[in-house]
């Protein structure tokens, strides 16, 4: 690397909070969708139980 490149610092690319799932195995994505739905359902039920108690 040249001195010019170091003047502003050589930075790593910004990482995003939710990386793209493009190019990921479709079977895995489908299962992940069902798993997320189940997790959300469990959280909703737990919150409802906490509200009533």
PDB file of N, CA and C in Angstrom:
ATOM      1  N   UNK A   1       0.843  -1.196   0.000  1.00  0.00           N
ATOM      2  CA  UNK A   1       0.000   0.000   0.000  1.00  0.00           C
ATOM      3  C   UNK A   1       0.882   1.251   0.000  1.00  0.00           C
ATOM      4  N   UNK A   2       0.377   2.258  -0.624  1.00  0.00           N
ATOM      5  CA  UNK A   2       1.146   3.486  -0.740  1.00  0.00           C
ATOM      6  C   UNK A   2       0.869   4.408   0.443  1.00  0.00           C
ATOM      7  N   UNK A   3       1.694   5.421   0.552  1.00  0.00           N
ATOM      8  CA  UNK A   3       1.527   6.412   1.608  1.00  0.00           C
ATOM      9  C   UNK A   3       0.205   7.150   1.422  1.00  0.00           C
ATOM     10  N   UNK A   4      -0.175   7.399   0.147  1.00  0.00           N
ATOM     11  CA  UNK A   4      -1.433   8.105  -0.135  1.00  0.00           C
ATOM     12  C   UNK A   4      -2.629   7.338   0.435  1.00  0.00           C
ATOM     13  N   UNK A   5      -2.590   6.022   0.312  1.00  0.00           N
ATOM     14  CA  UNK A   5      -3.703   5.211   0.817  1.00  0.00           C
ATOM     15  C   UNK A   5      -3.828   5.331   2.331  1.00  0.00           C
ATOM     16  N   UNK A   6      -2.701   5.507   3.015  1.00  0.00           N
ATOM     17  CA  UNK A   6      -2.714   5.569   4.476  1.00  0.00           C
ATOM     18  C   UNK A   6      -3.079   6.952   5.009  1.00  0.00           C
ATOM     19  N   UNK A   7      -3.099   7.958   4.149  1.00  0.00           N
ATOM     20  CA  UNK A   7      -3.395   9.313   4.637  1.00  0.00           C
ATOM     21  C   UNK A   7      -4.782   9.390   5.279  1.00  0.00           C
ATOM     22  N   UNK A   8      -5.759   8.762   4.651  1.00  0.00           N
ATOM     23  CA  UNK A   8      -7.114   8.741   5.214  1.00  0.00           C
ATOM     24  C   UNK A   8      -7.398   7.438   5.955  1.00  0.00           C
ATOM     25  N   UNK A   9      -6.415   6.612   6.102  1.00  0.00           N
ATOM     26  CA  UNK A   9      -6.591   5.343   6.789  1.00  0.00           C
ATOM     27  C   UNK A   9      -7.203   4.305   5.872  1.00  0.00           C
ATOM     28  N   UNK A  10      -6.733   3.076   5.972  1.00  0.00           N
ATOM     29  CA  UNK A  10      -7.301   1.989   5.185  1.00  0.00           C
ATOM     30  C   UNK A  10      -8.386   1.368   6.049  1.00  0.00           C
ATOM     31  N   UNK A  11      -9.637   1.556   5.642  1.00  0.00           N
ATOM     32  CA  UNK A  11     -10.772   1.130   6.461  1.00  0.00           C
ATOM     33  C   UNK A  11     -11.327  -0.199   5.966  1.00  0.00           C
ATOM     34  N   UNK A  12     -11.879  -0.964   6.907  1.00  0.00           N
ATOM     35  CA  UNK A  12     -12.568  -2.202   6.549  1.00  0.00           C
ATOM     36  C   UNK A  12     -13.934  -1.832   5.993  1.00  0.00           C
ATOM     37  N   UNK A  13     -14.507  -2.665   5.118  1.00  0.00           N
ATOM     38  CA  UNK A  13     -15.848  -2.366   4.616  1.00  0.00           C
ATOM     39  C   UNK A  13     -16.865  -2.413   5.759  1.00  0.00           C
ATOM     40  N   UNK A  14     -17.855  -1.542   5.675  1.00  0.00           N
ATOM     41  CA  UNK A  14     -18.888  -1.487   6.708  1.00  0.00           C
ATOM     42  C   UNK A  14     -19.680  -2.790   6.703  1.00  0.00           C
ATOM     43  N   UNK A  15     -19.943  -3.323   7.894  1.00  0.00           N
ATOM     44  CA  UNK A  15     -20.773  -4.527   7.979  1.00  0.00           C
ATOM     45  C   UNK A  15     -22.180  -4.095   8.355  1.00  0.00           C
ATOM     46  N   UNK A  16     -23.172  -4.688   7.709  1.00  0.00           N
ATOM     47  CA  UNK A  16     -24.557  -4.331   7.965  1.00  0.00           C
ATOM     48  C   UNK A  16     -25.130  -5.234   9.047  1.00  0.00           C
ATOM     49  N   UNK A  17     -26.170  -4.744   9.713  1.00  0.00           N
ATOM     50  CA  UNK A  17     -26.767  -5.498  10.811  1.00  0.00           C
ATOM     51  C   UNK A  17     -27.372  -6.813  10.326  1.00  0.00           C
ATOM     52  N   UNK A  18     -28.102  -6.759   9.218  1.00  0.00           N
ATOM     53  CA  UNK A  18     -28.718  -7.959   8.667  1.00  0.00           C
ATOM     54  C   UNK A  18     -28.116  -8.232   7.298  1.00  0.00           C
ATOM     55  N   UNK A  19     -27.110  -9.076   7.211  1.00  0.00           N
ATOM     56  CA  UNK A  19     -26.510  -9.355   5.908  1.00  0.00           C
ATOM     57  C   UNK A  19     -27.509 -10.031   4.975  1.00  0.00           C
ATOM     58  N   UNK A  20     -27.350  -9.817   3.698  1.00  0.00           N
ATOM     59  CA  UNK A  20     -28.262 -10.364   2.689  1.00  0.00           C
ATOM     60  C   UNK A  20     -28.230 -11.885   2.717  1.00  0.00           C
ATOM     61  N   UNK A  21     -29.403 -12.486   2.564  1.00  0.00           N
ATOM     62  CA  UNK A  21     -29.492 -13.943   2.517  1.00  0.00           C
ATOM     63  C   UNK A  21     -29.507 -14.431   1.070  1.00  0.00           C
ATOM     64  N   UNK A  22     -29.191 -13.556   0.148  1.00  0.00           N
ATOM     65  CA  UNK A  22     -29.155 -13.919  -1.265  1.00  0.00           C
ATOM     66  C   UNK A  22     -28.039 -14.939  -1.493  1.00  0.00           C
ATOM     67  N   UNK A  23     -28.353 -15.969  -2.228  1.00  0.00           N
ATOM     68  CA  UNK A  23     -27.357 -16.992  -2.523  1.00  0.00           C
ATOM     69  C   UNK A  23     -27.264 -18.076  -1.471  1.00  0.00           C
ATOM     70  N   UNK A  24     -28.132 -17.999  -0.436  1.00  0.00           N
ATOM     71  CA  UNK A  24     -28.113 -19.012   0.617  1.00  0.00           C
ATOM     72  C   UNK A  24     -29.043 -20.156   0.208  1.00  0.00           C
ATOM     73  N   UNK A  25     -28.722 -21.349   0.679  1.00  0.00           N
ATOM     74  CA  UNK A  25     -29.479 -22.563   0.364  1.00  0.00           C
ATOM     75  C   UNK A  25     -30.977 -22.370   0.616  1.00  0.00           C
ATOM     76  N   UNK A  26     -31.836 -22.574  -0.402  1.00  0.00           N
ATOM     77  CA  UNK A  26     -33.275 -22.332  -0.231  1.00  0.00           C
ATOM     78  C   UNK A  26     -33.932 -23.208   0.844  1.00  0.00           C
ATOM     79  N   UNK A  27     -33.436 -24.435   0.994  1.00  0.00           N
ATOM     80  CA  UNK A  27     -33.996 -25.327   2.021  1.00  0.00           C
ATOM     81  C   UNK A  27     -33.725 -24.752   3.413  1.00  0.00           C
ATOM     82  N   UNK A  28     -32.532 -24.238   3.606  1.00  0.00           N
ATOM     83  CA  UNK A  28     -32.170 -23.621   4.881  1.00  0.00           C
ATOM     84  C   UNK A  28     -33.031 -22.391   5.149  1.00  0.00           C
ATOM     85  N   UNK A  29     -33.222 -21.552   4.121  1.00  0.00           N
ATOM     86  CA  UNK A  29     -34.020 -20.330   4.280  1.00  0.00           C
ATOM     87  C   UNK A  29     -35.458 -20.665   4.663  1.00  0.00           C
ATOM     88  N   UNK A  30     -36.010 -21.687   4.019  1.00  0.00           N
ATOM     89  CA  UNK A  30     -37.393 -22.085   4.297  1.00  0.00           C
ATOM     90  C   UNK A  30     -37.514 -22.543   5.749  1.00  0.00           C
ATOM     91  N   UNK A  31     -36.581 -23.362   6.193  1.00  0.00           N
ATOM     92  CA  UNK A  31     -36.609 -23.848   7.572  1.00  0.00           C
ATOM     93  C   UNK A  31     -36.415 -22.696   8.553  1.00  0.00           C
ATOM     94  N   UNK A  32     -35.544 -21.765   8.207  1.00  0.00           N
ATOM     95  CA  UNK A  32     -35.297 -20.612   9.082  1.00  0.00           C
ATOM     96  C   UNK A  32     -36.564 -19.783   9.262  1.00  0.00           C
ATOM     97  N   UNK A  33     -37.336 -19.672   8.182  1.00  0.00           N
ATOM     98  CA  UNK A  33     -38.588 -18.913   8.241  1.00  0.00           C
ATOM     99  C   UNK A  33     -39.554 -19.560   9.236  1.00  0.00           C
ATOM    100  N   UNK A  34     -39.682 -20.880   9.175  1.00  0.00           N
ATOM    101  CA  UNK A  34     -40.573 -21.583  10.105  1.00  0.00           C
ATOM    102  C   UNK A  34     -40.050 -21.468  11.543  1.00  0.00           C
ATOM    103  N   UNK A  35     -38.753 -21.542  11.714  1.00  0.00           N
ATOM    104  CA  UNK A  35     -38.155 -21.452  13.045  1.00  0.00           C
ATOM    105  C   UNK A  35     -38.408 -20.079  13.653  1.00  0.00           C
ATOM    106  N   UNK A  36     -38.267 -19.030  12.847  1.00  0.00           N
ATOM    107  CA  UNK A  36     -38.527 -17.666  13.329  1.00  0.00           C
ATOM    108  C   UNK A  36     -39.974 -17.520  13.761  1.00  0.00           C
ATOM    109  N   UNK A  37     -40.876 -18.089  12.963  1.00  0.00           N
ATOM    110  CA  UNK A  37     -42.308 -17.999  13.279  1.00  0.00           C
ATOM    111  C   UNK A  37     -42.588 -18.678  14.616  1.00  0.00           C
ATOM    112  N   UNK A  38     -41.983 -19.847  14.841  1.00  0.00           N
ATOM    113  CA  UNK A  38     -42.175 -20.570  16.093  1.00  0.00           C
ATOM    114  C   UNK A  38     -41.629 -19.795  17.278  1.00  0.00           C
ATOM    115  N   UNK A  39     -40.481 -19.141  17.095  1.00  0.00           N
ATOM    116  CA  UNK A  39     -39.869 -18.358  18.168  1.00  0.00           C
ATOM    117  C   UNK A  39     -40.755 -17.175  18.529  1.00  0.00           C
ATOM    118  N   UNK A  40     -41.279 -16.504  17.510  1.00  0.00           N
ATOM    119  CA  UNK A  40     -42.153 -15.348  17.748  1.00  0.00           C
ATOM    120  C   UNK A  40     -43.412 -15.781  18.489  1.00  0.00           C
ATOM    121  N   UNK A  41     -43.944 -16.940  18.107  1.00  0.00           N
ATOM    122  CA  UNK A  41     -45.151 -17.463  18.749  1.00  0.00           C
ATOM    123  C   UNK A  41     -44.875 -17.733  20.232  1.00  0.00           C
ATOM    124  N   UNK A  42     -43.729 -18.328  20.541  1.00  0.00           N
ATOM    125  CA  UNK A  42     -43.361 -18.637  21.924  1.00  0.00           C
ATOM    126  C   UNK A  42     -43.208 -17.355  22.740  1.00  0.00           C
ATOM    127  N   UNK A  43     -42.615 -16.333  22.133  1.00  0.00           N
ATOM    128  CA  UNK A  43     -42.426 -15.050  22.823  1.00  0.00           C
ATOM    129  C   UNK A  43     -43.782 -14.420  23.122  1.00  0.00           C
ATOM    130  N   UNK A  44     -44.685 -14.465  22.121  1.00  0.00           N
ATOM    131  CA  UNK A  44     -46.034 -13.908  22.318  1.00  0.00           C
ATOM    132  C   UNK A  44     -46.753 -14.615  23.464  1.00  0.00           C
ATOM    133  N   UNK A  45     -46.669 -15.937  23.491  1.00  0.00           N
ATOM    134  CA  UNK A  45     -47.334 -16.706  24.546  1.00  0.00           C
ATOM    135  C   UNK A  45     -46.727 -16.399  25.917  1.00  0.00           C
ATOM    136  N   UNK A  46     -45.409 -16.247  25.976  1.00  0.00           N
ATOM    137  CA  UNK A  46     -44.739 -15.943  27.243  1.00  0.00           C
ATOM    138  C   UNK A  46     -45.153 -14.564  27.749  1.00  0.00           C
ATOM    139  N   UNK A  47     -45.255 -13.604  26.830  1.00  0.00           N
ATOM    140  CA  UNK A  47     -45.679 -12.252  27.218  1.00  0.00           C
ATOM    141  C   UNK A  47     -47.118 -12.261  27.717  1.00  0.00           C
ATOM    142  N   UNK A  48     -47.975 -13.027  27.040  1.00  0.00           N
ATOM    143  CA  UNK A  48     -49.378 -13.125  27.446  1.00  0.00           C
ATOM    144  C   UNK A  48     -49.481 -13.740  28.844  1.00  0.00           C
ATOM    145  N   UNK A  49     -48.670 -14.750  29.111  1.00  0.00           N
ATOM    146  CA  UNK A  49     -48.672 -15.398  30.421  1.00  0.00           C
ATOM    147  C   UNK A  49     -48.180 -14.432  31.500  1.00  0.00           C
ATOM    148  N   UNK A  50     -47.180 -13.621  31.159  1.00  0.00           N
ATOM    149  CA  UNK A  50     -46.641 -12.648  32.113  1.00  0.00           C
ATOM    150  C   UNK A  50     -47.666 -11.548  32.400  1.00  0.00           C
ATOM    151  N   UNK A  51     -48.433 -11.171  31.374  1.00  0.00           N
ATOM    152  CA  UNK A  51     -49.457 -10.126  31.535  1.00  0.00           C
ATOM    153  C   UNK A  51     -50.565 -10.601  32.479  1.00  0.00           C
ATOM    154  N   UNK A  52     -51.000 -11.850  32.300  1.00  0.00           N
ATOM    155  CA  UNK A  52     -52.121 -12.365  33.091  1.00  0.00           C
ATOM    156  C   UNK A  52     -51.705 -12.679  34.531  1.00  0.00           C
ATOM    157  N   UNK A  53     -50.434 -12.978  34.743  1.00  0.00           N
ATOM    158  CA  UNK A  53     -49.959 -13.334  36.093  1.00  0.00           C
ATOM    159  C   UNK A  53     -49.684 -12.113  36.946  1.00  0.00           C
TER     160      UNK A  53
END
